[in-house]
Amino acid sequence: MESFNSIYQYEVKDYGKVIVKLSDVLEKHGITRNRLRTLTGVKYAVIDRYYKGVNVAMADLNFLAKVCFVLDCEVGDLLEYIRPDNAN
């Protein structure tokens, strides 16, 4: 039987984090935030928030789908889960 980690066995601060890598992906594709705005129709402020990786409390799946479609990439290229140091 498969074993799963429970967030209840860690303090809230110790379950890891998800980082947004939109800036890396845009740089790799040679696309600016303004160009991504034009291609996706998403407001610059939203793109900028993901680009900087700040104030992104919940991922907007519609936004991620648009970016993946335009850049021909996967969600895993845009988001990365970092495990906590003390996790197994």
PDB file of N, CA and C in Angstrom:
ATOM      1  N   MET A   1       0.847  -1.176   0.000  1.00  0.00           N
ATOM      2  CA  MET A   1       0.000   0.000   0.000  1.00  0.00           C
ATOM      3  C   MET A   1       0.892   1.240   0.000  1.00  0.00           C
ATOM      4  N   GLU A   2       0.503   2.206  -0.767  1.00  0.00           N
ATOM      5  CA  GLU A   2       1.286   3.434  -0.893  1.00  0.00           C
ATOM      6  C   GLU A   2       1.176   4.285   0.366  1.00  0.00           C
ATOM      7  N   SER A   3       2.273   4.918   0.732  1.00  0.00           N
ATOM      8  CA  SER A   3       2.309   5.764   1.917  1.00  0.00           C
ATOM      9  C   SER A   3       2.273   7.224   1.498  1.00  0.00           C
ATOM     10  N   PHE A   4       1.473   8.016   2.170  1.00  0.00           N
ATOM     11  CA  PHE A   4       1.353   9.433   1.875  1.00  0.00           C
ATOM     12  C   PHE A   4       1.753  10.252   3.086  1.00  0.00           C
ATOM     13  N   ASN A   5       2.302  11.435   2.834  1.00  0.00           N
ATOM     14  CA  ASN A   5       2.604  12.363   3.917  1.00  0.00           C
ATOM     15  C   ASN A   5       1.333  13.117   4.280  1.00  0.00           C
ATOM     16  N   SER A   6       1.179  13.374   5.521  1.00  0.00           N
ATOM     17  CA  SER A   6       0.041  14.161   5.991  1.00  0.00           C
ATOM     18  C   SER A   6       0.555  15.518   6.439  1.00  0.00           C
ATOM     19  N   ILE A   7      -0.143  16.590   6.051  1.00  0.00           N
ATOM     20  CA  ILE A   7       0.301  17.912   6.489  1.00  0.00           C
ATOM     21  C   ILE A   7       0.076  18.079   7.986  1.00  0.00           C
ATOM     22  N   TYR A   8      -0.687  17.188   8.571  1.00  0.00           N
ATOM     23  CA  TYR A   8      -0.956  17.289  10.000  1.00  0.00           C
ATOM     24  C   TYR A   8       0.227  16.835  10.845  1.00  0.00           C
ATOM     25  N   GLN A   9       1.161  16.115  10.257  1.00  0.00           N
ATOM     26  CA  GLN A   9       2.318  15.681  11.032  1.00  0.00           C
ATOM     27  C   GLN A   9       3.412  16.737  11.052  1.00  0.00           C
ATOM     28  N   TYR A  10       3.277  17.809  10.313  1.00  0.00           N
ATOM     29  CA  TYR A  10       4.247  18.894  10.278  1.00  0.00           C
ATOM     30  C   TYR A  10       3.611  20.160  10.813  1.00  0.00           C
ATOM     31  N   GLU A  11       4.449  21.074  11.247  1.00  0.00           N
ATOM     32  CA  GLU A  11       3.935  22.402  11.537  1.00  0.00           C
ATOM     33  C   GLU A  11       3.584  23.023  10.195  1.00  0.00           C
ATOM     34  N   VAL A  12       2.666  23.974  10.205  1.00  0.00           N
ATOM     35  CA  VAL A  12       2.207  24.574   8.955  1.00  0.00           C
ATOM     36  C   VAL A  12       3.366  25.102   8.118  1.00  0.00           C
ATOM     37  N   LYS A  13       4.383  25.631   8.743  1.00  0.00           N
ATOM     38  CA  LYS A  13       5.495  26.215   8.007  1.00  0.00           C
ATOM     39  C   LYS A  13       6.404  25.162   7.379  1.00  0.00           C
ATOM     40  N   ASP A  14       6.193  23.895   7.680  1.00  0.00           N
ATOM     41  CA  ASP A  14       7.126  22.862   7.265  1.00  0.00           C
ATOM     42  C   ASP A  14       6.615  21.917   6.177  1.00  0.00           C
ATOM     43  N   TYR A  15       5.599  22.277   5.414  1.00  0.00           N
ATOM     44  CA  TYR A  15       5.118  21.353   4.383  1.00  0.00           C
ATOM     45  C   TYR A  15       5.650  21.658   3.003  1.00  0.00           C
ATOM     46  N   GLY A  16       6.557  22.594   2.906  1.00  0.00           N
ATOM     47  CA  GLY A  16       7.165  22.920   1.624  1.00  0.00           C
ATOM     48  C   GLY A  16       6.515  24.127   0.996  1.00  0.00           C
ATOM     49  N   LYS A  17       6.902  24.390  -0.253  1.00  0.00           N
ATOM     50  CA  LYS A  17       6.318  25.545  -0.941  1.00  0.00           C
ATOM     51  C   LYS A  17       6.345  25.303  -2.437  1.00  0.00           C
ATOM     52  N   VAL A  18       5.551  26.080  -3.134  1.00  0.00           N
ATOM     53  CA  VAL A  18       5.506  26.049  -4.590  1.00  0.00           C
ATOM     54  C   VAL A  18       6.056  27.378  -5.082  1.00  0.00           C
ATOM     55  N   ILE A  19       7.017  27.313  -5.986  1.00  0.00           N
ATOM     56  CA  ILE A  19       7.552  28.546  -6.552  1.00  0.00           C
ATOM     57  C   ILE A  19       7.110  28.669  -8.006  1.00  0.00           C
ATOM     58  N   VAL A  20       6.914  29.895  -8.427  1.00  0.00           N
ATOM     59  CA  VAL A  20       6.489  30.200  -9.791  1.00  0.00           C
ATOM     60  C   VAL A  20       7.730  30.528 -10.616  1.00  0.00           C
ATOM     61  N   LYS A  21       7.866  29.866 -11.751  1.00  0.00           N
ATOM     62  CA  LYS A  21       9.047  30.033 -12.588  1.00  0.00           C
ATOM     63  C   LYS A  21       8.726  30.707 -13.930  1.00  0.00           C
ATOM     64  N   LEU A  22       7.708  31.563 -13.946  1.00  0.00           N
ATOM     65  CA  LEU A  22       7.319  32.212 -15.196  1.00  0.00           C
ATOM     66  C   LEU A  22       8.458  33.042 -15.769  1.00  0.00           C
ATOM     67  N   SER A  23       9.210  33.720 -14.935  1.00  0.00           N
ATOM     68  CA  SER A  23      10.313  34.546 -15.437  1.00  0.00           C
ATOM     69  C   SER A  23      11.335  33.696 -16.182  1.00  0.00           C
ATOM     70  N   ASP A  24      11.656  32.531 -15.657  1.00  0.00           N
ATOM     71  CA  ASP A  24      12.612  31.626 -16.312  1.00  0.00           C
ATOM     72  C   ASP A  24      12.082  31.151 -17.663  1.00  0.00           C
ATOM     73  N   VAL A  25      10.811  30.801 -17.707  1.00  0.00           N
ATOM     74  CA  VAL A  25      10.211  30.281 -18.941  1.00  0.00           C
ATOM     75  C   VAL A  25      10.154  31.374 -20.004  1.00  0.00           C
ATOM     76  N   LEU A  26       9.783  32.592 -19.604  1.00  0.00           N
ATOM     77  CA  LEU A  26       9.741  33.686 -20.568  1.00  0.00           C
ATOM     78  C   LEU A  26      11.129  33.989 -21.115  1.00  0.00           C
ATOM     79  N   GLU A  27      12.112  33.988 -20.240  1.00  0.00           N
ATOM     80  CA  GLU A  27      13.484  34.243 -20.677  1.00  0.00           C
ATOM     81  C   GLU A  27      13.941  33.169 -21.663  1.00  0.00           C
ATOM     82  N   LYS A  28      13.624  31.937 -21.359  1.00  0.00           N
ATOM     83  CA  LYS A  28      13.999  30.812 -22.225  1.00  0.00           C
ATOM     84  C   LYS A  28      13.379  30.959 -23.620  1.00  0.00           C
ATOM     85  N   HIS A  29      12.141  31.447 -23.670  1.00  0.00           N
ATOM     86  CA  HIS A  29      11.440  31.606 -24.944  1.00  0.00           C
ATOM     87  C   HIS A  29      11.693  32.969 -25.598  1.00  0.00           C
ATOM     88  N   GLY A  30      12.389  33.844 -24.887  1.00  0.00           N
ATOM     89  CA  GLY A  30      12.668  35.174 -25.436  1.00  0.00           C
ATOM     90  C   GLY A  30      11.431  36.033 -25.587  1.00  0.00           C
ATOM     91  N   ILE A  31      10.504  35.902 -24.651  1.00  0.00           N
ATOM     92  CA  ILE A  31       9.241  36.643 -24.700  1.00  0.00           C
ATOM     93  C   ILE A  31       9.152  37.576 -23.499  1.00  0.00           C
ATOM     94  N   THR A  32       8.727  38.797 -23.719  1.00  0.00           N
ATOM     95  CA  THR A  32       8.560  39.770 -22.646  1.00  0.00           C
ATOM     96  C   THR A  32       7.181  39.621 -22.012  1.00  0.00           C
ATOM     97  N   ARG A  33       7.016  40.247 -20.874  1.00  0.00           N
ATOM     98  CA  ARG A  33       5.706  40.241 -20.213  1.00  0.00           C
ATOM     99  C   ARG A  33       4.664  40.938 -21.079  1.00  0.00           C
ATOM    100  N   ASN A  34       5.066  42.018 -21.746  1.00  0.00           N
ATOM    101  CA  ASN A  34       4.124  42.722 -22.632  1.00  0.00           C
ATOM    102  C   ASN A  34       3.688  41.836 -23.790  1.00  0.00           C
ATOM    103  N   ARG A  35       4.614  41.101 -24.358  1.00  0.00           N
ATOM    104  CA  ARG A  35       4.271  40.196 -25.468  1.00  0.00           C
ATOM    105  C   ARG A  35       3.350  39.088 -24.977  1.00  0.00           C
ATOM    106  N   LEU A  36       3.609  38.555 -23.778  1.00  0.00           N
ATOM    107  CA  LEU A  36       2.737  37.526 -23.216  1.00  0.00           C
ATOM    108  C   LEU A  36       1.345  38.091 -22.979  1.00  0.00           C
ATOM    109  N   ARG A  37       1.269  39.333 -22.546  1.00  0.00           N
ATOM    110  CA  ARG A  37      -0.038  39.995 -22.359  1.00  0.00           C
ATOM    111  C   ARG A  37      -0.802  40.027 -23.674  1.00  0.00           C
ATOM    112  N   THR A  38      -0.112  40.399 -24.743  1.00  0.00           N
ATOM    113  CA  THR A  38      -0.754  40.464 -26.057  1.00  0.00           C
ATOM    114  C   THR A  38      -1.211  39.087 -26.523  1.00  0.00           C
ATOM    115  N   LEU A  39      -0.380  38.089 -26.326  1.00  0.00           N
ATOM    116  CA  LEU A  39      -0.684  36.738 -26.800  1.00  0.00           C
ATOM    117  C   LEU A  39      -1.775  36.040 -25.998  1.00  0.00           C
ATOM    118  N   THR A  40      -1.888  36.348 -24.708  1.00  0.00           N
ATOM    119  CA  THR A  40      -2.856  35.661 -23.850  1.00  0.00           C
ATOM    120  C   THR A  40      -4.113  36.476 -23.564  1.00  0.00           C
ATOM    121  N   GLY A  41      -4.018  37.798 -23.659  1.00  0.00           N
ATOM    122  CA  GLY A  41      -5.152  38.641 -23.293  1.00  0.00           C
ATOM    123  C   GLY A  41      -5.293  38.831 -21.793  1.00  0.00           C
ATOM    124  N   VAL A  42      -4.280  38.406 -21.046  1.00  0.00           N
ATOM    125  CA  VAL A  42      -4.298  38.530 -19.589  1.00  0.00           C
ATOM    126  C   VAL A  42      -3.715  39.888 -19.198  1.00  0.00           C
ATOM    127  N   LYS A  43      -4.297  40.513 -18.187  1.00  0.00           N
ATOM    128  CA  LYS A  43      -3.816  41.819 -17.737  1.00  0.00           C
ATOM    129  C   LYS A  43      -2.344  41.749 -17.329  1.00  0.00           C
ATOM    130  N   TYR A  44      -1.633  42.836 -17.635  1.00  0.00           N
ATOM    131  CA  TYR A  44      -0.210  42.907 -17.319  1.00  0.00           C
ATOM    132  C   TYR A  44       0.036  42.717 -15.823  1.00  0.00           C
ATOM    133  N   ALA A  45      -0.829  43.265 -14.986  1.00  0.00           N
ATOM    134  CA  ALA A  45      -0.649  43.162 -13.532  1.00  0.00           C
ATOM    135  C   ALA A  45      -0.653  41.705 -13.076  1.00  0.00           C
ATOM    136  N   VAL A  46      -1.488  40.881 -13.691  1.00  0.00           N
ATOM    137  CA  VAL A  46      -1.544  39.458 -13.341  1.00  0.00           C
ATOM    138  C   VAL A  46      -0.252  38.771 -13.780  1.00  0.00           C
ATOM    139  N   ILE A  47       0.154  39.034 -15.015  1.00  0.00           N
ATOM    140  CA  ILE A  47       1.388  38.443 -15.530  1.00  0.00           C
ATOM    141  C   ILE A  47       2.578  38.871 -14.678  1.00  0.00           C
ATOM    142  N   ASP A  48       2.621  40.136 -14.312  1.00  0.00           N
ATOM    143  CA  ASP A  48       3.720  40.669 -13.512  1.00  0.00           C
ATOM    144  C   ASP A  48       3.786  39.999 -12.141  1.00  0.00           C
ATOM    145  N   ARG A  49       2.621  39.744 -11.543  1.00  0.00           N
ATOM    146  CA  ARG A  49       2.572  39.083 -10.231  1.00  0.00           C
ATOM    147  C   ARG A  49       3.164  37.674 -10.317  1.00  0.00           C
ATOM    148  N   TYR A  50       2.793  36.920 -11.345  1.00  0.00           N
ATOM    149  CA  TYR A  50       3.354  35.578 -11.539  1.00  0.00           C
ATOM    150  C   TYR A  50       4.830  35.661 -11.926  1.00  0.00           C
ATOM    151  N   TYR A  51       5.191  36.633 -12.735  1.00  0.00           N
ATOM    152  CA  TYR A  51       6.578  36.814 -13.163  1.00  0.00           C
ATOM    153  C   TYR A  51       7.491  37.032 -11.964  1.00  0.00           C
ATOM    154  N   LYS A  52       7.034  37.895 -11.045  1.00  0.00           N
ATOM    155  CA  LYS A  52       7.823  38.190  -9.845  1.00  0.00           C
ATOM    156  C   LYS A  52       7.649  37.127  -8.764  1.00  0.00           C
ATOM    157  N   GLY A  53       6.600  36.311  -8.881  1.00  0.00           N
ATOM    158  CA  GLY A  53       6.347  35.261  -7.903  1.00  0.00           C
ATOM    159  C   GLY A  53       5.920  35.791  -6.551  1.00  0.00           C
ATOM    160  N   VAL A  54       5.283  36.951  -6.536  1.00  0.00           N
ATOM    161  CA  VAL A  54       4.832  37.544  -5.284  1.00  0.00           C
ATOM    162  C   VAL A  54       3.306  37.647  -5.280  1.00  0.00           C
ATOM    163  N   ASN A  55       2.732  37.504  -4.097  1.00  0.00           N
ATOM    164  CA  ASN A  55       1.283  37.592  -3.917  1.00  0.00           C
ATOM    165  C   ASN A  55       0.526  36.591  -4.783  1.00  0.00           C
ATOM    166  N   VAL A  56       1.091  35.415  -4.956  1.00  0.00           N
ATOM    167  CA  VAL A  56       0.407  34.343  -5.671  1.00  0.00           C
ATOM    168  C   VAL A  56       0.018  33.310  -4.622  1.00  0.00           C
ATOM    169  N   ALA A  57      -1.139  33.518  -4.008  1.00  0.00           N
ATOM    170  CA  ALA A  57      -1.600  32.628  -2.948  1.00  0.00           C
ATOM    171  C   ALA A  57      -2.256  31.377  -3.528  1.00  0.00           C
ATOM    172  N   MET A  58      -2.964  31.541  -4.642  1.00  0.00           N
ATOM    173  CA  MET A  58      -3.629  30.422  -5.310  1.00  0.00           C
ATOM    174  C   MET A  58      -3.352  30.533  -6.801  1.00  0.00           C
ATOM    175  N   ALA A  59      -3.092  29.409  -7.407  1.00  0.00           N
ATOM    176  CA  ALA A  59      -2.823  29.411  -8.838  1.00  0.00           C
ATOM    177  C   ALA A  59      -4.121  29.530  -9.622  1.00  0.00           C
ATOM    178  N   ASP A  60      -4.114  30.374 -10.633  1.00  0.00           N
ATOM    179  CA  ASP A  60      -5.251  30.536 -11.531  1.00  0.00           C
ATOM    180  C   ASP A  60      -5.058  29.546 -12.678  1.00  0.00           C
ATOM    181  N   LEU A  61      -5.832  28.466 -12.681  1.00  0.00           N
ATOM    182  CA  LEU A  61      -5.665  27.414 -13.677  1.00  0.00           C
ATOM    183  C   LEU A  61      -5.936  27.913 -15.088  1.00  0.00           C
ATOM    184  N   ASN A  62      -6.851  28.848 -15.249  1.00  0.00           N
ATOM    185  CA  ASN A  62      -7.130  29.420 -16.552  1.00  0.00           C
ATOM    186  C   ASN A  62      -5.901  30.175 -17.072  1.00  0.00           C
ATOM    187  N   PHE A  63      -5.267  30.952 -16.205  1.00  0.00           N
ATOM    188  CA  PHE A  63      -4.052  31.676 -16.575  1.00  0.00           C
ATOM    189  C   PHE A  63      -2.948  30.697 -16.961  1.00  0.00           C
ATOM    190  N   LEU A  64      -2.744  29.675 -16.138  1.00  0.00           N
ATOM    191  CA  LEU A  64      -1.695  28.697 -16.421  1.00  0.00           C
ATOM    192  C   LEU A  64      -1.953  27.975 -17.745  1.00  0.00           C
ATOM    193  N   ALA A  65      -3.206  27.650 -18.023  1.00  0.00           N
ATOM    194  CA  ALA A  65      -3.553  26.981 -19.278  1.00  0.00           C
ATOM    195  C   ALA A  65      -3.250  27.883 -20.474  1.00  0.00           C
ATOM    196  N   LYS A  66      -3.574  29.164 -20.368  1.00  0.00           N
ATOM    197  CA  LYS A  66      -3.284  30.101 -21.457  1.00  0.00           C
ATOM    198  C   LYS A  66      -1.788  30.204 -21.708  1.00  0.00           C
ATOM    199  N   VAL A  67      -1.009  30.321 -20.636  1.00  0.00           N
ATOM    200  CA  VAL A  67       0.442  30.433 -20.777  1.00  0.00           C
ATOM    201  C   VAL A  67       1.005  29.154 -21.389  1.00  0.00           C
ATOM    202  N   CYS A  68       0.551  28.012 -20.923  1.00  0.00           N
ATOM    203  CA  CYS A  68       1.028  26.742 -21.469  1.00  0.00           C
ATOM    204  C   CYS A  68       0.683  26.613 -22.955  1.00  0.00           C
ATOM    205  N   PHE A  69      -0.494  27.047 -23.333  1.00  0.00           N
ATOM    206  CA  PHE A  69      -0.903  26.985 -24.741  1.00  0.00           C
ATOM    207  C   PHE A  69      -0.025  27.889 -25.600  1.00  0.00           C
ATOM    208  N   VAL A  70       0.145  29.129 -25.157  1.00  0.00           N
ATOM    209  CA  VAL A  70       0.912  30.105 -25.931  1.00  0.00           C
ATOM    210  C   VAL A  70       2.385  29.717 -26.019  1.00  0.00           C
ATOM    211  N   LEU A  71       2.967  29.254 -24.920  1.00  0.00           N
ATOM    212  CA  LEU A  71       4.393  28.944 -24.891  1.00  0.00           C
ATOM    213  C   LEU A  71       4.699  27.480 -25.210  1.00  0.00           C
ATOM    214  N   ASP A  72       3.648  26.690 -25.439  1.00  0.00           N
ATOM    215  CA  ASP A  72       3.800  25.268 -25.706  1.00  0.00           C
ATOM    216  C   ASP A  72       4.663  24.603 -24.624  1.00  0.00           C
ATOM    217  N   CYS A  73       4.238  24.790 -23.379  1.00  0.00           N
ATOM    218  CA  CYS A  73       4.965  24.222 -22.249  1.00  0.00           C
ATOM    219  C   CYS A  73       3.993  23.478 -21.342  1.00  0.00           C
ATOM    220  N   GLU A  74       4.509  22.911 -20.277  1.00  0.00           N
ATOM    221  CA  GLU A  74       3.708  22.178 -19.300  1.00  0.00           C
ATOM    222  C   GLU A  74       3.589  22.995 -18.011  1.00  0.00           C
ATOM    223  N   VAL A  75       2.562  22.714 -17.217  1.00  0.00           N
ATOM    224  CA  VAL A  75       2.388  23.396 -15.934  1.00  0.00           C
ATOM    225  C   VAL A  75       3.631  23.190 -15.065  1.00  0.00           C
ATOM    226  N   GLY A  76       4.236  22.025 -15.141  1.00  0.00           N
ATOM    227  CA  GLY A  76       5.454  21.734 -14.384  1.00  0.00           C
ATOM    228  C   GLY A  76       6.633  22.616 -14.769  1.00  0.00           C
ATOM    229  N   ASP A  77       6.576  23.215 -15.958  1.00  0.00           N
ATOM    230  CA  ASP A  77       7.618  24.164 -16.351  1.00  0.00           C
ATOM    231  C   ASP A  77       7.433  25.497 -15.637  1.00  0.00           C
ATOM    232  N   LEU A  78       6.192  25.787 -15.225  1.00  0.00           N
ATOM    233  CA  LEU A  78       5.856  27.069 -14.604  1.00  0.00           C
ATOM    234  C   LEU A  78       5.860  27.028 -13.085  1.00  0.00           C
ATOM    235  N   LEU A  79       5.616  25.852 -12.517  1.00  0.00           N
ATOM    236  CA  LEU A  79       5.523  25.703 -11.061  1.00  0.00           C
ATOM    237  C   LEU A  79       6.459  24.603 -10.594  1.00  0.00           C
ATOM    238  N   GLU A  80       7.054  24.801  -9.430  1.00  0.00           N
ATOM    239  CA  GLU A  80       7.931  23.789  -8.861  1.00  0.00           C
ATOM    240  C   GLU A  80       7.655  23.659  -7.372  1.00  0.00           C
ATOM    241  N   TYR A  81       7.468  22.426  -6.924  1.00  0.00           N
ATOM    242  CA  TYR A  81       7.255  22.151  -5.506  1.00  0.00           C
ATOM    243  C   TYR A  81       8.611  21.906  -4.852  1.00  0.00           C
ATOM    244  N   ILE A  82       8.864  22.626  -3.772  1.00  0.00           N
ATOM    245  CA  ILE A  82      10.088  22.459  -2.990  1.00  0.00           C
ATOM    246  C   ILE A  82       9.705  21.808  -1.663  1.00  0.00           C
ATOM    247  N   ARG A  83      10.247  20.604  -1.437  1.00  0.00           N
ATOM    248  CA  ARG A  83       9.954  19.876  -0.200  1.00  0.00           C
ATOM    249  C   ARG A  83      10.624  20.571   0.982  1.00  0.00           C
ATOM    250  N   PRO A  84      10.046  20.428   2.159  1.00  0.00           N
ATOM    251  CA  PRO A  84      10.695  20.989   3.343  1.00  0.00           C
ATOM    252  C   PRO A  84      11.977  20.216   3.650  1.00  0.00           C
ATOM    253  N   ASP A  85      12.894  20.864   4.332  1.00  0.00           N
ATOM    254  CA  ASP A  85      14.184  20.246   4.652  1.00  0.00           C
ATOM    255  C   ASP A  85      14.038  19.006   5.522  1.00  0.00           C
ATOM    256  N   ASN A  86      13.038  18.983   6.387  1.00  0.00           N
ATOM    257  CA  ASN A  86      12.922  17.877   7.345  1.00  0.00           C
ATOM    258  C   ASN A  86      11.972  16.770   6.898  1.00  0.00           C
ATOM    259  N   ALA A  87      11.478  16.840   5.647  1.00  0.00           N
ATOM    260  CA  ALA A  87      10.536  15.811   5.169  1.00  0.00           C
ATOM    261  C   ALA A  87      11.307  14.584   4.694  1.00  0.00           C
ATOM    262  N   ASN A  88      10.625  13.467   4.722  1.00  0.00           N
ATOM    263  CA  ASN A  88      11.231  12.209   4.250  1.00  0.00           C
ATOM    264  C   ASN A  88      11.158  12.122   2.753  1.00  0.00           C
TER     265      ASN A  88
END
